[in-house]
Amino acid sequence: MNAWSDVDLGNVILQRRNDFEQAPIVGKILGFLGPNVFATNGDEWKRHRRMFAASLDERISRIAWSESREQAQSMLNYLSDHPGGDTLTGLRNLAINVIGQAGYTKTTPWSPAPLRDSADREEHARTAYFKALALATDMFLVAAFIPPKLLKLSFMQARLRLLGQRLERVPQYIADISEEERQTARDDSAGRSNFLRFFLQNSDTDATSGFAFTPEELSGNLYVFTVAGYETTGQHRGEWIRDELRELPIDSSTWSYDDVFPKCQRTLGLMFEILRLFTPVLHSTRAVSGPQQLVSEKGTHFLAPPMNVMVSAAAIHLDKTIWGEDATDFRPSRWIDDTGKVRSPPKGTFLPWSGGPRICPGMKMSQVEFVSTMATLFRFARCEPIPVDGITQPEELRRRLVWLSENAITKSTMQVKDHKAVQLRWVRDV
């Protein structure tokens, strides 16, 4: 195993997808519910990528924008009256609901309560499927490596048995959801949009060429779409972005995606700075497919299989030769140029969505969701840390929040260990 934080070498590795393939262990973890765009290589990957990208277009971005705005408004209505530790759980619930609407036209009102699960056979397939994915994501290594039949054994913990039951039913959930969506598409004169419908239409169109997705491939791609959507989005320089947001209309229901999203440059810069310092996926792992030679200013490297290489996004994001002496400081303004637009970083220096041909196809959607959510929250309120554990000074409270972020844990992505420990107050001033 070799780890690379050299920008030039890392960029070469990520660009040469046929020479440096998705590592088998990554495919095992991300593909436990079926082959998908993140778990395949070669021509099979090209097929998945083409279908995935064709289904995740600007129509989905518009849905994500409007649903995020509505969910954030409901969230703010609650949080402004209930200071405390509900913000991070609320953002996670918001992200799940946005994915439900954009992916499956599953409308769910925002709620501060964490998603609860039970093995109710009578619940709707879409609801059951979301609960299964939420549970699998929380225990994703167990879900990836232990077969459902073993998880269901009587001596297992109740939560593990429930996971086994859920995973065993996923194929039926997918079949029910897909059939329901196809039937709705036949009857729907309004032509509603969602990722699942586009995905099924594109797959069915390719059926005549023998390229339609199998049920397992459909399951795998729906899994990564859903999980990537709420795991990487749901995690401030408040006044800095509020200066920009004060120009937006007071009635957020009038905010159109095409008009308002391009105006929120500072909000997007905030997202980029968060992802630079708190990278959701710390590194990209690739398997060397054959003898390779890598050349950079630092020398020539000869690689031969079997070998995995890791491109460390976390190390690159803190490199002072790229980001300056203040590379470890949280400074969103570094992303904004003299014209007020977001800067484009040099190739290979900013990798929160990975890089090269295998860059995450949901990158744009995640940006739209974040900007819509944060713009709604900060347009109408300011956020303050609440005194806790005898800490009352603002700077000490800020350092406490930074410490909680820096001591995050890795699940499928980096996450704050204890959501309730992040105690915040949202104060409306509009």
Foldseek 3Di string as FASTA:
>chain_A
DAEDQPLQLQLVLQACCVQWDADQVQLLLLQLLFDALNNDGDPVNVLRVVLQLQLCDVLLLQLLLLLLLQQLLQVLVVQQVPFFLQQLLQLLQSLLQSQCCQAQVPHDHGDSDHDDDDPDPPDQLSSLLSVLLVLCLQVSVCSSPPALVVQLDPVHDPSSNRNSSSSVCLLVSLVVSLVVLVVCCVVPPVRDGHSSNSSQVVLVVCVVVVSRDDSSHSRSHSSCSSCVRSQVQSADPQVVQLVQLLPDDPPLSPDGCVPVVQSSQLLLLLVQLCCLQFQFAQKRKTARPAWDWDQDPVGIDIDGPRDMYIHGSNSLSQDCVQQNPCSNPRDSCSQQDPVRHGDDGPPSSRQSQHDHPSRNSCVSSSSSSSSSSSSSQSNFWDKAFDDDPNDDDRVVSVVVVVVQSVPFDHRVTTHRPDSRVRTMHIHTDD
